[in-house]
């Protein structure tokens, strides 16, 4: 299925496919790496408390 998506992208002159994968999803990471995908960036976040709870 992934190869089909890639082939369709090439037919439409799309030169890049981006994926969002959680770092804890090791099965998905392994699969995508086998298909030639590479980690390009890490996105970081921090949950903040509302101001009323910070006092």
C-alpha atoms as a PDB file:
ATOM      1  CA  UNK A   1       0.000   0.000   0.000  1.00  0.00           C
ATOM      2  CA  UNK A   2       2.839   2.409   0.805  1.00  0.00           C
ATOM      3  CA  UNK A   3       4.500   1.736  -2.544  1.00  0.00           C
ATOM      4  CA  UNK A   4       1.176   2.432  -4.281  1.00  0.00           C
ATOM      5  CA  UNK A   5       0.969   5.790  -2.513  1.00  0.00           C
ATOM      6  CA  UNK A   6       4.543   6.593  -3.499  1.00  0.00           C
ATOM      7  CA  UNK A   7       3.866   5.678  -7.136  1.00  0.00           C
ATOM      8  CA  UNK A   8       0.762   7.886  -7.201  1.00  0.00           C
ATOM      9  CA  UNK A   9       2.767  10.750  -5.727  1.00  0.00           C
ATOM     10  CA  UNK A  10       5.421  10.402  -8.435  1.00  0.00           C
ATOM     11  CA  UNK A  11       2.716  10.385 -11.131  1.00  0.00           C
ATOM     12  CA  UNK A  12       1.389  13.669  -9.670  1.00  0.00           C
ATOM     13  CA  UNK A  13       4.908  15.188  -9.632  1.00  0.00           C
ATOM     14  CA  UNK A  14       5.024  15.164  -5.827  1.00  0.00           C
ATOM     15  CA  UNK A  15       8.636  14.805  -4.745  1.00  0.00           C
ATOM     16  CA  UNK A  16       8.295  14.417  -0.961  1.00  0.00           C
ATOM     17  CA  UNK A  17       6.061  12.492   1.427  1.00  0.00           C
ATOM     18  CA  UNK A  18       6.007  13.443   5.101  1.00  0.00           C
ATOM     19  CA  UNK A  19       4.828  11.174   7.892  1.00  0.00           C
ATOM     20  CA  UNK A  20       4.020  11.844  11.523  1.00  0.00           C
ATOM     21  CA  UNK A  21       5.025   8.983  13.797  1.00  0.00           C
ATOM     22  CA  UNK A  22       5.203   8.913  17.583  1.00  0.00           C
ATOM     23  CA  UNK A  23       8.659   7.997  18.841  1.00  0.00           C
ATOM     24  CA  UNK A  24       7.119   5.225  20.935  1.00  0.00           C
ATOM     25  CA  UNK A  25       5.663   3.547  17.828  1.00  0.00           C
ATOM     26  CA  UNK A  26       8.751   1.482  17.108  1.00  0.00           C
ATOM     27  CA  UNK A  27       6.942  -0.877  14.720  1.00  0.00           C
ATOM     28  CA  UNK A  28       5.927   2.010  12.459  1.00  0.00           C
ATOM     29  CA  UNK A  29       9.383   3.574  12.659  1.00  0.00           C
ATOM     30  CA  UNK A  30      10.991   0.291  11.613  1.00  0.00           C
ATOM     31  CA  UNK A  31       8.548  -0.178   8.750  1.00  0.00           C
ATOM     32  CA  UNK A  32       9.067   3.303   7.349  1.00  0.00           C
ATOM     33  CA  UNK A  33      12.848   3.001   7.666  1.00  0.00           C
ATOM     34  CA  UNK A  34      12.676  -0.243   5.629  1.00  0.00           C
ATOM     35  CA  UNK A  35      10.866   1.752   2.936  1.00  0.00           C
ATOM     36  CA  UNK A  36      13.653   4.342   2.894  1.00  0.00           C
ATOM     37  CA  UNK A  37      12.112   7.040   5.095  1.00  0.00           C
ATOM     38  CA  UNK A  38      14.396   8.925   7.472  1.00  0.00           C
ATOM     39  CA  UNK A  39      13.866  11.038  10.564  1.00  0.00           C
ATOM     40  CA  UNK A  40      14.197  14.658   9.505  1.00  0.00           C
ATOM     41  CA  UNK A  41      13.069  16.542  12.596  1.00  0.00           C
ATOM     42  CA  UNK A  42      11.754  16.144  16.108  1.00  0.00           C
ATOM     43  CA  UNK A  43       8.736  18.110  17.294  1.00  0.00           C
ATOM     44  CA  UNK A  44       8.675  18.923  20.967  1.00  0.00           C
ATOM     45  CA  UNK A  45       5.857  20.098  23.186  1.00  0.00           C
ATOM     46  CA  UNK A  46       5.142  20.920  26.776  1.00  0.00           C
ATOM     47  CA  UNK A  47       1.705  20.858  28.403  1.00  0.00           C
ATOM     48  CA  UNK A  48       1.097  24.031  30.389  1.00  0.00           C
ATOM     49  CA  UNK A  49      -1.183  24.580  33.334  1.00  0.00           C
ATOM     50  CA  UNK A  50      -3.683  27.461  33.221  1.00  0.00           C
ATOM     51  CA  UNK A  51      -2.454  30.599  35.060  1.00  0.00           C
ATOM     52  CA  UNK A  52      -4.966  30.051  37.856  1.00  0.00           C
ATOM     53  CA  UNK A  53      -3.193  26.768  38.762  1.00  0.00           C
ATOM     54  CA  UNK A  54       0.365  28.196  38.680  1.00  0.00           C
ATOM     55  CA  UNK A  55      -0.037  30.355  41.839  1.00  0.00           C
END
